[in-house]
Amino acid sequence: QVQLVESGGGLVQAGGSLRLSCAASGRTFSSYAMGWFRQGPGKEREFVAGISWSVGRTVYADSVKGRFTISRDNAKNTVYLQMNSVKPDDTAVYYCAAQSVPWTNLPTHPKLTDFGSWGQGTQVTVSS
């Protein structure tokens, strides 16, 4: 398994930007597809963005497409989520996750059950 620690959350005004980071432990980080999920107040946890383990293929939820960018730096064992043009609806706890099985293709529509390792989450609050 991979241990994950998120950072970078905070309070930001609508229209602003924020970058989340997720540091992973373990030498096999580069072999796992990674994802970001979020859980807003009173809502279920939902997929935000994912990146494959190999060629960096990315997948986004429609609600963040064109505003958020996921990337990874395998040399630093870190995955990022760049959040631009944020909206109050983006307010949530953001979780980093590693796919359950290494060397596995990132699904076209990733689900929570595709991921087996989770961070503790970082709060993002967008003020209007």
C-alpha atoms as a PDB file:
ATOM      1  CA  GLN A   1       0.000   0.000   0.000  1.00  0.00           C
ATOM      2  CA  VAL A   2       0.876   3.637  -0.396  1.00  0.00           C
ATOM      3  CA  GLN A   3       0.685   6.167   2.458  1.00  0.00           C
ATOM      4  CA  LEU A   4      -0.638   9.567   1.385  1.00  0.00           C
ATOM      5  CA  VAL A   5      -0.559  13.018   3.001  1.00  0.00           C
ATOM      6  CA  GLU A   6      -2.377  15.995   1.475  1.00  0.00           C
ATOM      7  CA  SER A   7      -1.508  19.652   1.965  1.00  0.00           C
ATOM      8  CA  GLY A   8      -2.262  23.032   0.458  1.00  0.00           C
ATOM      9  CA  GLY A   9      -5.875  23.492   1.440  1.00  0.00           C
ATOM     10  CA  GLY A  10      -7.225  26.731   2.852  1.00  0.00           C
ATOM     11  CA  LEU A  11      -9.546  29.658   2.319  1.00  0.00           C
ATOM     12  CA  VAL A  12      -9.688  31.258  -1.123  1.00  0.00           C
ATOM     13  CA  GLN A  13     -11.993  33.763  -2.766  1.00  0.00           C
ATOM     14  CA  ALA A  14     -14.177  32.803  -5.680  1.00  0.00           C
ATOM     15  CA  GLY A  15     -12.242  33.163  -8.916  1.00  0.00           C
ATOM     16  CA  GLY A  16      -8.938  32.534  -7.195  1.00  0.00           C
ATOM     17  CA  SER A  17      -6.474  29.663  -7.372  1.00  0.00           C
ATOM     18  CA  LEU A  18      -5.087  27.031  -5.049  1.00  0.00           C
ATOM     19  CA  ARG A  19      -2.694  24.125  -5.484  1.00  0.00           C
ATOM     20  CA  LEU A  20      -3.079  20.947  -3.499  1.00  0.00           C
ATOM     21  CA  SER A  21      -0.231  18.510  -3.018  1.00  0.00           C
ATOM     22  CA  CYS A  22      -0.237  14.865  -2.035  1.00  0.00           C
ATOM     23  CA  ALA A  23       3.002  13.312  -0.845  1.00  0.00           C
ATOM     24  CA  ALA A  24       3.261   9.549  -1.089  1.00  0.00           C
ATOM     25  CA  SER A  25       5.542   7.170   0.709  1.00  0.00           C
ATOM     26  CA  GLY A  26       6.889   4.007  -0.803  1.00  0.00           C
ATOM     27  CA  ARG A  27       9.135   3.219  -3.731  1.00  0.00           C
ATOM     28  CA  THR A  28       6.263   2.034  -5.923  1.00  0.00           C
ATOM     29  CA  PHE A  29       4.410   5.360  -6.213  1.00  0.00           C
ATOM     30  CA  SER A  30       5.111   5.605  -9.942  1.00  0.00           C
ATOM     31  CA  SER A  31       3.271   2.339 -10.595  1.00  0.00           C
ATOM     32  CA  TYR A  32      -0.081   3.566  -9.227  1.00  0.00           C
ATOM     33  CA  ALA A  33      -2.734   5.641 -10.944  1.00  0.00           C
ATOM     34  CA  MET A  34      -3.689   8.503  -8.632  1.00  0.00           C
ATOM     35  CA  GLY A  35      -6.861  10.428  -8.051  1.00  0.00           C
ATOM     36  CA  TRP A  36      -8.377  13.360  -6.245  1.00  0.00           C
ATOM     37  CA  PHE A  37     -11.818  13.143  -4.693  1.00  0.00           C
ATOM     38  CA  ARG A  38     -13.821  15.619  -2.655  1.00  0.00           C
ATOM     39  CA  GLN A  39     -16.638  15.577  -0.142  1.00  0.00           C
ATOM     40  CA  GLY A  40     -18.688  18.707   0.352  1.00  0.00           C
ATOM     41  CA  PRO A  41     -20.908  19.447   3.359  1.00  0.00           C
ATOM     42  CA  GLY A  42     -23.781  16.972   3.418  1.00  0.00           C
ATOM     43  CA  LYS A  43     -22.650  15.371   0.173  1.00  0.00           C
ATOM     44  CA  GLU A  44     -21.179  12.059  -0.835  1.00  0.00           C
ATOM     45  CA  ARG A  45     -17.519  11.766  -1.772  1.00  0.00           C
ATOM     46  CA  GLU A  46     -17.093  12.311  -5.503  1.00  0.00           C
ATOM     47  CA  PHE A  47     -14.393  11.906  -8.105  1.00  0.00           C
ATOM     48  CA  VAL A  48     -12.587  15.075  -9.196  1.00  0.00           C
ATOM     49  CA  ALA A  49      -9.550  14.108 -11.274  1.00  0.00           C
ATOM     50  CA  GLY A  50      -7.305  11.152 -12.025  1.00  0.00           C
ATOM     51  CA  ILE A  51      -3.934  10.537 -13.649  1.00  0.00           C
ATOM     52  CA  SER A  52      -2.571   7.274 -14.984  1.00  0.00           C
ATOM     53  CA  TRP A  53       0.620   5.652 -13.757  1.00  0.00           C
ATOM     54  CA  SER A  54       2.289   5.481 -17.173  1.00  0.00           C
ATOM     55  CA  VAL A  55       1.874   8.147 -19.857  1.00  0.00           C
ATOM     56  CA  GLY A  56       0.083  10.656 -17.662  1.00  0.00           C
ATOM     57  CA  ARG A  57      -3.369  10.238 -19.134  1.00  0.00           C
ATOM     58  CA  THR A  58      -5.821  12.405 -17.208  1.00  0.00           C
ATOM     59  CA  VAL A  59      -9.546  12.205 -16.507  1.00  0.00           C
ATOM     60  CA  TYR A  60     -11.718  14.940 -15.014  1.00  0.00           C
ATOM     61  CA  ALA A  61     -15.192  15.323 -13.622  1.00  0.00           C
ATOM     62  CA  ASP A  62     -17.322  17.560 -15.830  1.00  0.00           C
ATOM     63  CA  SER A  63     -17.730  20.023 -12.970  1.00  0.00           C
ATOM     64  CA  VAL A  64     -13.998  20.845 -12.900  1.00  0.00           C
ATOM     65  CA  LYS A  65     -12.971  20.285 -16.518  1.00  0.00           C
ATOM     66  CA  GLY A  66     -11.104  23.303 -17.860  1.00  0.00           C
ATOM     67  CA  ARG A  67     -10.512  24.715 -14.360  1.00  0.00           C
ATOM     68  CA  PHE A  68      -8.552  22.025 -12.497  1.00  0.00           C
ATOM     69  CA  THR A  69      -5.376  20.253 -13.583  1.00  0.00           C
ATOM     70  CA  ILE A  70      -3.932  17.090 -12.085  1.00  0.00           C
ATOM     71  CA  SER A  71      -0.249  16.301 -12.474  1.00  0.00           C
ATOM     72  CA  ARG A  72       2.372  14.097 -10.891  1.00  0.00           C
ATOM     73  CA  ASP A  73       6.101  14.206 -10.240  1.00  0.00           C
ATOM     74  CA  ASN A  74       7.292  10.633  -9.780  1.00  0.00           C
ATOM     75  CA  ALA A  75      10.774  11.789  -8.757  1.00  0.00           C
ATOM     76  CA  LYS A  76       9.177  13.578  -5.789  1.00  0.00           C
ATOM     77  CA  ASN A  77       6.492  10.961  -5.117  1.00  0.00           C
ATOM     78  CA  THR A  78       3.921  13.739  -5.326  1.00  0.00           C
ATOM     79  CA  VAL A  79       0.664  14.353  -7.137  1.00  0.00           C
ATOM     80  CA  TYR A  80      -0.819  17.835  -7.497  1.00  0.00           C
ATOM     81  CA  LEU A  81      -4.200  19.402  -8.120  1.00  0.00           C
ATOM     82  CA  GLN A  82      -4.058  22.921  -9.529  1.00  0.00           C
ATOM     83  CA  MET A  83      -7.413  24.599  -8.925  1.00  0.00           C
ATOM     84  CA  ASN A  84      -8.169  27.733 -10.939  1.00  0.00           C
ATOM     85  CA  SER A  85     -11.305  29.860 -11.199  1.00  0.00           C
ATOM     86  CA  VAL A  86     -12.647  28.253  -8.057  1.00  0.00           C
ATOM     87  CA  LYS A  87     -16.301  28.533  -7.135  1.00  0.00           C
ATOM     88  CA  PRO A  88     -18.155  28.291  -3.796  1.00  0.00           C
ATOM     89  CA  ASP A  89     -19.425  24.865  -4.955  1.00  0.00           C
ATOM     90  CA  ASP A  90     -15.802  23.662  -4.870  1.00  0.00           C
ATOM     91  CA  THR A  91     -15.844  23.943  -1.073  1.00  0.00           C
ATOM     92  CA  ALA A  92     -15.079  20.483   0.268  1.00  0.00           C
ATOM     93  CA  VAL A  93     -12.555  18.241   1.942  1.00  0.00           C
ATOM     94  CA  TYR A  94     -10.229  17.045  -0.811  1.00  0.00           C
ATOM     95  CA  TYR A  95      -8.762  13.570  -0.648  1.00  0.00           C
ATOM     96  CA  CYS A  96      -5.854  12.056  -2.514  1.00  0.00           C
ATOM     97  CA  ALA A  97      -6.086   8.380  -3.401  1.00  0.00           C
ATOM     98  CA  ALA A  98      -3.987   5.662  -5.003  1.00  0.00           C
ATOM     99  CA  GLN A  99      -5.555   3.001  -7.200  1.00  0.00           C
ATOM    100  CA  SER A 100      -5.864  -0.354  -5.500  1.00  0.00           C
ATOM    101  CA  VAL A 101      -3.844  -2.360  -7.993  1.00  0.00           C
ATOM    102  CA  PRO A 102      -0.542  -1.109  -9.464  1.00  0.00           C
ATOM    103  CA  TRP A 103       0.180  -1.064 -13.179  1.00  0.00           C
ATOM    104  CA  THR A 104      -3.550  -0.863 -13.860  1.00  0.00           C
ATOM    105  CA  ASN A 105      -5.179   1.404 -16.423  1.00  0.00           C
ATOM    106  CA  LEU A 106      -7.057   4.389 -15.052  1.00  0.00           C
ATOM    107  CA  PRO A 107     -10.762   3.809 -15.722  1.00  0.00           C
ATOM    108  CA  THR A 108     -12.621   6.217 -17.979  1.00  0.00           C
ATOM    109  CA  HIS A 109     -15.064   6.862 -15.122  1.00  0.00           C
ATOM    110  CA  PRO A 110     -13.116   6.243 -11.887  1.00  0.00           C
ATOM    111  CA  LYS A 111     -15.055   5.193  -8.806  1.00  0.00           C
ATOM    112  CA  LEU A 112     -14.210   5.248  -5.114  1.00  0.00           C
ATOM    113  CA  THR A 113     -13.895   1.466  -5.124  1.00  0.00           C
ATOM    114  CA  ASP A 114     -11.086   1.641  -7.709  1.00  0.00           C
ATOM    115  CA  PHE A 115      -8.838   3.224  -5.067  1.00  0.00           C
ATOM    116  CA  GLY A 116      -7.419   1.439  -2.044  1.00  0.00           C
ATOM    117  CA  SER A 117      -5.203   3.973  -0.284  1.00  0.00           C
ATOM    118  CA  TRP A 118      -6.466   7.343   0.955  1.00  0.00           C
ATOM    119  CA  GLY A 119      -5.046  10.412   2.608  1.00  0.00           C
ATOM    120  CA  GLN A 120      -6.610  12.163   5.567  1.00  0.00           C
ATOM    121  CA  GLY A 121      -7.973  15.025   3.470  1.00  0.00           C
ATOM    122  CA  THR A 122      -7.403  18.761   3.283  1.00  0.00           C
ATOM    123  CA  GLN A 123     -10.138  21.387   3.621  1.00  0.00           C
ATOM    124  CA  VAL A 124     -10.759  23.851   0.802  1.00  0.00           C
ATOM    125  CA  THR A 125     -13.183  26.684   1.444  1.00  0.00           C
ATOM    126  CA  VAL A 126     -14.193  29.079  -1.322  1.00  0.00           C
ATOM    127  CA  SER A 127     -15.793  32.337  -0.238  1.00  0.00           C
ATOM    128  CA  SER A 128     -18.163  34.227  -2.494  1.00  0.00           C
END
